[in-house]
C-alpha atoms as a PDB file:
ATOM      1  CA  MET A   1      -8.992   8.024  12.657  1.00  0.00           C
ATOM      2  CA  ARG A   2     -11.435   5.659  12.396  1.00  0.00           C
ATOM      3  CA  TYR A   3     -11.211   3.581   9.228  1.00  0.00           C
ATOM      4  CA  ALA A   4     -14.777   1.627   7.934  1.00  0.00           C
ATOM      5  CA  LEU A   5     -13.343  -1.638   6.090  1.00  0.00           C
ATOM      6  CA  ILE A   6     -15.194  -3.153   3.225  1.00  0.00           C
ATOM      7  CA  SER A   7     -15.326  -6.255   1.081  1.00  0.00           C
ATOM      8  CA  ASP A   8     -17.027  -8.842  -0.415  1.00  0.00           C
ATOM      9  CA  ILE A   9     -20.698  -6.741  -1.024  1.00  0.00           C
ATOM     10  CA  HIS A  10     -21.490  -9.306  -3.872  1.00  0.00           C
ATOM     11  CA  GLY A  11     -24.114  -7.142  -4.582  1.00  0.00           C
ATOM     12  CA  ASN A  12     -26.135  -8.086  -1.197  1.00  0.00           C
ATOM     13  CA  LEU A  13     -28.069  -4.717  -0.750  1.00  0.00           C
ATOM     14  CA  GLU A  14     -29.336  -5.987   2.413  1.00  0.00           C
ATOM     15  CA  ALA A  15     -26.299  -6.570   4.170  1.00  0.00           C
ATOM     16  CA  PHE A  16     -24.673  -4.138   2.525  1.00  0.00           C
ATOM     17  CA  GLU A  17     -27.423  -0.923   4.400  1.00  0.00           C
ATOM     18  CA  ALA A  18     -26.978  -3.585   7.591  1.00  0.00           C
ATOM     19  CA  VAL A  19     -23.504  -2.555   8.477  1.00  0.00           C
ATOM     20  CA  LEU A  20     -23.702   0.805   7.122  1.00  0.00           C
ATOM     21  CA  SER A  21     -26.534   1.479   9.927  1.00  0.00           C
ATOM     22  CA  ASP A  22     -23.610  -0.204  12.326  1.00  0.00           C
ATOM     23  CA  ILE A  23     -21.151   2.120  11.162  1.00  0.00           C
ATOM     24  CA  LYS A  24     -23.141   4.718  11.150  1.00  0.00           C
ATOM     25  CA  LYS A  25     -23.192   4.559  14.701  1.00  0.00           C
ATOM     26  CA  GLU A  26     -19.788   3.980  15.074  1.00  0.00           C
ATOM     27  CA  GLY A  27     -19.025   6.762  14.384  1.00  0.00           C
ATOM     28  CA  VAL A  28     -16.379   5.994  11.389  1.00  0.00           C
ATOM     29  CA  ASP A  29     -14.334   9.446   9.307  1.00  0.00           C
ATOM     30  CA  LYS A  30     -13.577   7.131   6.426  1.00  0.00           C
ATOM     31  CA  TYR A  31     -14.163   4.043   4.239  1.00  0.00           C
ATOM     32  CA  LEU A  32     -11.930   2.301   2.226  1.00  0.00           C
ATOM     33  CA  CYS A  33     -13.377  -0.382   0.262  1.00  0.00           C
ATOM     34  CA  ILE A  34     -11.032  -3.992  -0.779  1.00  0.00           C
ATOM     35  CA  GLY A  35     -12.953  -4.943  -3.719  1.00  0.00           C
ATOM     36  CA  ASP A  36     -15.461  -7.535  -5.130  1.00  0.00           C
ATOM     37  CA  ILE A  37     -18.820  -5.245  -5.008  1.00  0.00           C
ATOM     38  CA  VAL A  38     -20.119  -6.984  -6.988  1.00  0.00           C
ATOM     39  CA  GLY A  39     -20.853 -10.517  -8.031  1.00  0.00           C
ATOM     40  CA  TYR A  40     -23.712 -12.796  -6.597  1.00  0.00           C
ATOM     41  CA  GLY A  41     -26.070 -10.633  -5.168  1.00  0.00           C
ATOM     42  CA  ALA A  42     -29.044  -9.321  -7.280  1.00  0.00           C
ATOM     43  CA  ASP A  43     -28.626  -5.703  -6.962  1.00  0.00           C
ATOM     44  CA  PRO A  44     -25.406  -4.373  -8.345  1.00  0.00           C
ATOM     45  CA  GLU A  45     -26.338  -1.367  -9.345  1.00  0.00           C
ATOM     46  CA  LYS A  46     -28.129  -0.025  -6.408  1.00  0.00           C
ATOM     47  CA  VAL A  47     -24.652  -1.303  -4.342  1.00  0.00           C
ATOM     48  CA  LEU A  48     -22.464   0.824  -6.395  1.00  0.00           C
ATOM     49  CA  THR A  49     -24.093   3.853  -6.603  1.00  0.00           C
ATOM     50  CA  ILE A  50     -23.995   3.868  -3.052  1.00  0.00           C
ATOM     51  CA  LEU A  51     -20.687   2.531  -2.654  1.00  0.00           C
ATOM     52  CA  GLN A  52     -19.888   5.725  -4.620  1.00  0.00           C
ATOM     53  CA  SER A  53     -21.775   8.322  -2.713  1.00  0.00           C
ATOM     54  CA  LEU A  54     -20.311   7.353  -0.025  1.00  0.00           C
ATOM     55  CA  ALA A  55     -16.807   8.590  -1.580  1.00  0.00           C
ATOM     56  CA  PRO A  56     -14.216   5.932   0.101  1.00  0.00           C
ATOM     57  CA  GLU A  57     -10.107   7.047   0.463  1.00  0.00           C
ATOM     58  CA  ALA A  58      -9.848   4.494  -1.557  1.00  0.00           C
ATOM     59  CA  ILE A  59     -11.057   0.866  -3.484  1.00  0.00           C
ATOM     60  CA  VAL A  60      -9.380  -2.011  -4.834  1.00  0.00           C
ATOM     61  CA  VAL A  61     -10.389  -3.890  -7.244  1.00  0.00           C
ATOM     62  CA  GLY A  62     -11.861  -7.929  -6.554  1.00  0.00           C
ATOM     63  CA  ASN A  63     -11.802 -10.613  -9.320  1.00  0.00           C
ATOM     64  CA  HIS A  64     -14.961 -10.290 -10.272  1.00  0.00           C
ATOM     65  CA  ASP A  65     -15.111  -6.493 -10.302  1.00  0.00           C
ATOM     66  CA  TRP A  66     -12.620  -7.664 -12.929  1.00  0.00           C
ATOM     67  CA  GLY A  67     -14.670 -10.043 -14.531  1.00  0.00           C
ATOM     68  CA  VAL A  68     -17.452  -8.374 -15.652  1.00  0.00           C
ATOM     69  CA  ALA A  69     -14.830  -5.142 -16.753  1.00  0.00           C
ATOM     70  CA  GLN A  70     -13.962  -7.684 -18.957  1.00  0.00           C
ATOM     71  CA  LEU A  71     -10.386  -7.968 -17.176  1.00  0.00           C
ATOM     72  CA  MET A  72     -10.763 -11.478 -16.068  1.00  0.00           C
ATOM     73  CA  ASP A  73     -11.802 -14.182 -18.212  1.00  0.00           C
ATOM     74  CA  PRO A  74     -15.052 -15.602 -17.392  1.00  0.00           C
ATOM     75  CA  ASP A  75     -13.810 -19.388 -17.353  1.00  0.00           C
ATOM     76  CA  TYR A  76     -11.475 -17.930 -14.637  1.00  0.00           C
ATOM     77  CA  PHE A  77     -14.443 -18.773 -12.673  1.00  0.00           C
ATOM     78  CA  ASN A  78     -16.298 -21.458 -10.965  1.00  0.00           C
ATOM     79  CA  LYS A  79     -19.820 -23.153 -12.711  1.00  0.00           C
ATOM     80  CA  GLU A  80     -22.237 -20.421 -10.281  1.00  0.00           C
ATOM     81  CA  ALA A  81     -19.968 -17.218  -9.719  1.00  0.00           C
ATOM     82  CA  LYS A  82     -19.214 -17.467 -14.222  1.00  0.00           C
ATOM     83  CA  GLU A  83     -23.281 -17.085 -14.204  1.00  0.00           C
ATOM     84  CA  ALA A  84     -23.312 -13.656 -11.811  1.00  0.00           C
ATOM     85  CA  VAL A  85     -20.438 -12.909 -13.690  1.00  0.00           C
ATOM     86  CA  LEU A  86     -21.785 -12.289 -17.250  1.00  0.00           C
ATOM     87  CA  TRP A  87     -25.441 -11.148 -15.163  1.00  0.00           C
ATOM     88  CA  THR A  88     -24.153  -9.595 -13.780  1.00  0.00           C
ATOM     89  CA  ARG A  89     -22.520  -8.076 -16.590  1.00  0.00           C
ATOM     90  CA  LYS A  90     -26.445  -7.589 -18.309  1.00  0.00           C
ATOM     91  CA  MET A  91     -27.489  -5.068 -15.507  1.00  0.00           C
ATOM     92  CA  LEU A  92     -25.045  -2.740 -15.827  1.00  0.00           C
ATOM     93  CA  ASP A  93     -23.937   0.138 -17.622  1.00  0.00           C
ATOM     94  CA  ARG A  94     -20.841   0.869 -19.193  1.00  0.00           C
ATOM     95  CA  SER A  95     -20.090   4.147 -17.356  1.00  0.00           C
ATOM     96  CA  ALA A  96     -20.563   1.417 -13.970  1.00  0.00           C
ATOM     97  CA  ILE A  97     -18.428  -1.246 -15.538  1.00  0.00           C
ATOM     98  CA  ASP A  98     -15.871   1.078 -16.456  1.00  0.00           C
ATOM     99  CA  TYR A  99     -15.511   1.845 -13.255  1.00  0.00           C
ATOM    100  CA  LEU A 100     -14.847  -1.481 -12.120  1.00  0.00           C
ATOM    101  CA  GLY A 101     -12.152  -1.959 -14.940  1.00  0.00           C
ATOM    102  CA  SER A 102     -10.119   1.777 -13.528  1.00  0.00           C
ATOM    103  CA  LEU A 103      -9.673   0.875  -9.736  1.00  0.00           C
ATOM    104  CA  ASP A 104      -6.330  -0.610  -8.821  1.00  0.00           C
ATOM    105  CA  LEU A 105      -5.394  -4.164  -7.890  1.00  0.00           C
ATOM    106  CA  ILE A 106      -3.150  -1.912  -4.751  1.00  0.00           C
ATOM    107  CA  TYR A 107      -3.710   0.826  -2.330  1.00  0.00           C
ATOM    108  CA  GLU A 108      -0.512   1.590   0.064  1.00  0.00           C
ATOM    109  CA  LYS A 109      -0.328   4.810   1.936  1.00  0.00           C
ATOM    110  CA  GLY A 110       1.031   5.528   5.223  1.00  0.00           C
ATOM    111  CA  ASP A 111       0.344   2.299   7.482  1.00  0.00           C
ATOM    112  CA  ILE A 112      -1.431   0.649   5.311  1.00  0.00           C
ATOM    113  CA  THR A 113      -1.731  -1.508   2.135  1.00  0.00           C
ATOM    114  CA  LEU A 114      -4.786  -3.060   1.206  1.00  0.00           C
ATOM    115  CA  VAL A 115      -5.071  -5.814  -1.185  1.00  0.00           C
ATOM    116  CA  HIS A 116      -7.733  -8.341  -2.538  1.00  0.00           C
ATOM    117  CA  GLY A 117      -6.469 -10.893  -2.075  1.00  0.00           C
ATOM    118  CA  SER A 118      -2.735 -11.438  -1.595  1.00  0.00           C
ATOM    119  CA  LEU A 119       0.593  -9.311  -2.341  1.00  0.00           C
ATOM    120  CA  GLU A 120       1.926 -12.348  -4.220  1.00  0.00           C
ATOM    121  CA  THR A 121       0.848 -11.849  -8.464  1.00  0.00           C
ATOM    122  CA  PRO A 122      -1.888  -9.842  -6.436  1.00  0.00           C
ATOM    123  CA  GLU A 123      -3.237  -9.940 -10.293  1.00  0.00           C
ATOM    124  CA  GLU A 124      -4.127 -13.804  -9.438  1.00  0.00           C
ATOM    125  CA  PHE A 125      -5.756 -13.737  -6.065  1.00  0.00           C
ATOM    126  CA  TYR A 126      -4.503 -15.893  -4.492  1.00  0.00           C
ATOM    127  CA  TYR A 127      -6.653 -17.035  -0.784  1.00  0.00           C
ATOM    128  CA  ILE A 128      -5.377 -16.401   2.583  1.00  0.00           C
ATOM    129  CA  MET A 129      -7.249 -18.868   4.516  1.00  0.00           C
ATOM    130  CA  ASP A 130      -4.849 -19.397   7.816  1.00  0.00           C
ATOM    131  CA  GLU A 131      -0.828 -18.224   9.078  1.00  0.00           C
ATOM    132  CA  GLY A 132       1.018 -20.071   6.448  1.00  0.00           C
ATOM    133  CA  ASP A 133      -0.997 -17.920   3.561  1.00  0.00           C
ATOM    134  CA  ALA A 134      -1.038 -14.791   5.096  1.00  0.00           C
ATOM    135  CA  TYR A 135       2.870 -15.189   5.739  1.00  0.00           C
ATOM    136  CA  PRO A 136       4.696 -13.832   2.774  1.00  0.00           C
ATOM    137  CA  THR A 137       2.006 -10.986   2.175  1.00  0.00           C
ATOM    138  CA  SER A 138       3.752 -10.089   5.490  1.00  0.00           C
ATOM    139  CA  GLN A 139       6.659 -10.037   3.918  1.00  0.00           C
ATOM    140  CA  LEU A 140       5.743  -8.773   0.796  1.00  0.00           C
ATOM    141  CA  SER A 141       4.044  -6.011   2.758  1.00  0.00           C
ATOM    142  CA  ARG A 142       5.943  -2.417   3.013  1.00  0.00           C
ATOM    143  CA  THR A 143       3.353  -1.620   5.482  1.00  0.00           C
ATOM    144  CA  ARG A 144       2.904  -3.058   9.075  1.00  0.00           C
ATOM    145  CA  LEU A 145      -0.958  -3.340   8.071  1.00  0.00           C
ATOM    146  CA  CYS A 146      -2.106  -4.858   5.232  1.00  0.00           C
ATOM    147  CA  PHE A 147      -6.065  -5.578   4.921  1.00  0.00           C
ATOM    148  CA  VAL A 148      -7.611  -7.956   2.978  1.00  0.00           C
ATOM    149  CA  GLY A 149     -10.757  -9.613   1.575  1.00  0.00           C
ATOM    150  CA  HIS A 150     -11.469 -12.403  -0.999  1.00  0.00           C
ATOM    151  CA  SER A 151     -11.528 -16.206   1.092  1.00  0.00           C
ATOM    152  CA  HIS A 152     -14.820 -14.326   2.944  1.00  0.00           C
ATOM    153  CA  MET A 153     -12.592 -16.050   6.097  1.00  0.00           C
ATOM    154  CA  PRO A 154     -12.249 -12.757   8.347  1.00  0.00           C
ATOM    155  CA  GLY A 155      -8.894 -13.845  10.822  1.00  0.00           C
ATOM    156  CA  ILE A 156      -6.225 -11.005  12.302  1.00  0.00           C
ATOM    157  CA  TYR A 157      -2.654 -12.990  11.949  1.00  0.00           C
ATOM    158  CA  TYR A 158       0.604 -11.226  13.270  1.00  0.00           C
ATOM    159  CA  THR A 159       4.270 -11.985  13.034  1.00  0.00           C
ATOM    160  CA  GLU A 160       5.200 -12.865  15.901  1.00  0.00           C
ATOM    161  CA  GLY A 161       9.573 -13.068  15.451  1.00  0.00           C
ATOM    162  CA  ALA A 162      10.140 -15.747  12.378  1.00  0.00           C
ATOM    163  CA  ALA A 163       6.170 -17.364  12.962  1.00  0.00           C
ATOM    164  CA  MET A 164       2.722 -15.616  11.871  1.00  0.00           C
ATOM    165  CA  LYS A 165      -0.142 -16.316  14.964  1.00  0.00           C
ATOM    166  CA  ARG A 166      -3.944 -15.854  14.334  1.00  0.00           C
ATOM    167  CA  ALA A 167      -5.143 -13.489  16.979  1.00  0.00           C
ATOM    168  CA  LYS A 168      -8.585 -13.833  18.906  1.00  0.00           C
ATOM    169  CA  ARG A 169     -12.079 -12.574  16.894  1.00  0.00           C
ATOM    170  CA  GLY A 170     -13.118  -9.168  17.985  1.00  0.00           C
ATOM    171  CA  LYS A 171     -11.170  -5.992  18.986  1.00  0.00           C
ATOM    172  CA  VAL A 172      -7.477  -6.309  19.269  1.00  0.00           C
ATOM    173  CA  LYS A 173      -4.409  -4.195  20.435  1.00  0.00           C
ATOM    174  CA  MET A 174      -2.578  -3.945  17.983  1.00  0.00           C
ATOM    175  CA  GLY A 175       2.131  -4.264  18.876  1.00  0.00           C
ATOM    176  CA  PRO A 176       4.196  -1.498  17.361  1.00  0.00           C
ATOM    177  CA  ASP A 177       7.029  -4.115  16.521  1.00  0.00           C
ATOM    178  CA  LYS A 178       4.779  -6.850  14.423  1.00  0.00           C
ATOM    179  CA  LYS A 179       3.367  -6.780  10.976  1.00  0.00           C
ATOM    180  CA  TYR A 180      -0.538  -7.427  10.367  1.00  0.00           C
ATOM    181  CA  VAL A 181      -2.155  -9.182   7.929  1.00  0.00           C
ATOM    182  CA  ILE A 182      -6.548  -8.546   8.105  1.00  0.00           C
ATOM    183  CA  ASN A 183      -8.730 -10.125   6.114  1.00  0.00           C
ATOM    184  CA  ILE A 184     -11.757  -8.124   6.725  1.00  0.00           C
ATOM    185  CA  GLY A 185     -14.217 -10.642   5.935  1.00  0.00           C
ATOM    186  CA  SER A 186     -17.160 -10.666   3.971  1.00  0.00           C
ATOM    187  CA  ILE A 187     -20.494  -8.571   4.193  1.00  0.00           C
ATOM    188  CA  GLY A 188     -22.159  -9.922   1.030  1.00  0.00           C
ATOM    189  CA  GLN A 189     -21.221 -13.893   1.310  1.00  0.00           C
ATOM    190  CA  PRO A 190     -19.718 -14.340   4.648  1.00  0.00           C
ATOM    191  CA  ARG A 191     -18.076 -18.320   4.490  1.00  0.00           C
ATOM    192  CA  ASP A 192     -17.456 -19.251   7.986  1.00  0.00           C
ATOM    193  CA  GLY A 193     -20.261 -20.298   9.072  1.00  0.00           C
ATOM    194  CA  ASP A 194     -21.573 -17.237  10.795  1.00  0.00           C
ATOM    195  CA  PRO A 195     -24.371 -15.706   8.216  1.00  0.00           C
ATOM    196  CA  LYS A 196     -24.027 -12.137   9.371  1.00  0.00           C
ATOM    197  CA  ALA A 197     -21.847  -9.778   6.971  1.00  0.00           C
ATOM    198  CA  GLY A 198     -19.015  -8.848   8.515  1.00  0.00           C
ATOM    199  CA  TYR A 199     -16.686  -5.802   8.315  1.00  0.00           C
ATOM    200  CA  SER A 200     -13.273  -4.450  10.112  1.00  0.00           C
ATOM    201  CA  ILE A 201     -13.310  -0.492  11.774  1.00  0.00           C
ATOM    202  CA  TYR A 202      -9.036   0.167  12.345  1.00  0.00           C
ATOM    203  CA  ASP A 203      -8.892   2.931  14.763  1.00  0.00           C
ATOM    204  CA  SER A 204      -5.411   5.010  14.521  1.00  0.00           C
ATOM    205  CA  SER A 205      -5.548   6.462  17.486  1.00  0.00           C
ATOM    206  CA  GLU A 206      -5.635   3.483  19.566  1.00  0.00           C
ATOM    207  CA  ASN A 207      -3.582   1.464  17.517  1.00  0.00           C
ATOM    208  CA  THR A 208      -6.553  -1.253  17.299  1.00  0.00           C
ATOM    209  CA  VAL A 209      -9.403  -3.434  14.788  1.00  0.00           C
ATOM    210  CA  GLU A 210     -12.142  -5.052  15.299  1.00  0.00           C
ATOM    211  CA  ILE A 211     -13.849  -7.305  13.052  1.00  0.00           C
ATOM    212  CA  ARG A 212     -17.046  -6.793  13.424  1.00  0.00           C
ATOM    213  CA  ARG A 213     -20.894  -9.175  12.682  1.00  0.00           C
ATOM    214  CA  ILE A 214     -24.012  -8.050  12.234  1.00  0.00           C
ATOM    215  CA  ALA A 215     -26.832  -9.568  10.679  1.00  0.00           C
ATOM    216  CA  TYR A 216     -29.488  -8.498   8.022  1.00  0.00           C
ATOM    217  CA  ASP A 217     -32.626  -9.742   6.596  1.00  0.00           C
ATOM    218  CA  VAL A 218     -31.103 -12.660   4.802  1.00  0.00           C
ATOM    219  CA  GLU A 219     -33.624 -14.341   3.777  1.00  0.00           C
ATOM    220  CA  SER A 220     -35.065 -10.874   1.166  1.00  0.00           C
ATOM    221  CA  ALA A 221     -30.918 -11.953   0.167  1.00  0.00           C
ATOM    222  CA  LYS A 222     -31.977 -15.056  -0.436  1.00  0.00           C
ATOM    223  CA  ASP A 223     -35.315 -13.950  -2.744  1.00  0.00           C
ATOM    224  CA  LYS A 224     -33.912 -11.850  -4.498  1.00  0.00           C
ATOM    225  CA  ILE A 225     -31.251 -13.688  -5.541  1.00  0.00           C
ATOM    226  CA  LEU A 226     -33.941 -16.528  -6.616  1.00  0.00           C
ATOM    227  CA  LYS A 227     -35.990 -14.061  -8.492  1.00  0.00           C
ATOM    228  CA  ALA A 228     -32.953 -12.627 -10.071  1.00  0.00           C
ATOM    229  CA  GLY A 229     -32.891 -15.950 -11.839  1.00  0.00           C
ATOM    230  CA  LEU A 230     -29.733 -16.220 -10.461  1.00  0.00           C
ATOM    231  CA  PRO A 231     -28.291 -19.701  -9.139  1.00  0.00           C
ATOM    232  CA  ALA A 232     -29.948 -21.157  -6.247  1.00  0.00           C
ATOM    233  CA  PHE A 233     -26.847 -22.420  -5.157  1.00  0.00           C
ATOM    234  CA  LEU A 234     -25.713 -18.632  -4.411  1.00  0.00           C
ATOM    235  CA  ALA A 235     -28.934 -17.756  -2.816  1.00  0.00           C
ATOM    236  CA  HIS A 236     -29.105 -20.627  -0.237  1.00  0.00           C
ATOM    237  CA  ARG A 237     -25.552 -20.201   0.972  1.00  0.00           C
ATOM    238  CA  LEU A 238     -26.258 -16.827   2.699  1.00  0.00           C
ATOM    239  CA  LEU A 239     -28.542 -18.801   5.306  1.00  0.00           C
ATOM    240  CA  GLU A 240     -25.491 -20.780   6.080  1.00  0.00           C
ATOM    241  CA  GLY A 241     -22.611 -18.694   5.757  1.00  0.00           C
ATOM    242  CA  ARG A 242     -21.193 -20.938   3.627  1.00  0.00           C
END
């Protein structure tokens, strides 16, 4: 089984469509979504409609989804993010907002766990940025693989005895006796200095995971954010992947 793992789309239609085009070439069987469908970007309704049409096997909620659904205080967010949450709330109808609010925090099935931030108090949405951040989630996970998003910083972390290590990027063959915490990257707003959209493919038959980066029309996504009257910072950061 080949799974496409997608996260942090953040209403960025151009990035989402480019990733879906790449996924189609890869012959993926199922989709798994790790939250933050909306927020920041200028096309929340279209992105949500497309995502629902894919009928993912599972979708877990992100903090921006909760913010739009009024399940998280807008003051939790920084100034630009708060403005985007409030704008996005106005752009969606009641059924879309209710849908975002209905999503679970955690999904667990077979070898796979999905959580937007971390398994440490998942409703607090802690960031996993490095090996030290990944270790508690590896210990709390009841499955061999835990896929996360939220930080917009892709990375494959794995247990090595009592230590946590980080694998090189690209396709990784996973060991059967190790536990993995995999930040699959952000489609709509990468923050690792690479503006290309990020997502991952997990092949359960080959026991591999691959973080992929896909170029898209960043200028169009930027211009839409500016035209919508959203903070300019959210537009220009896309060009730098930060």
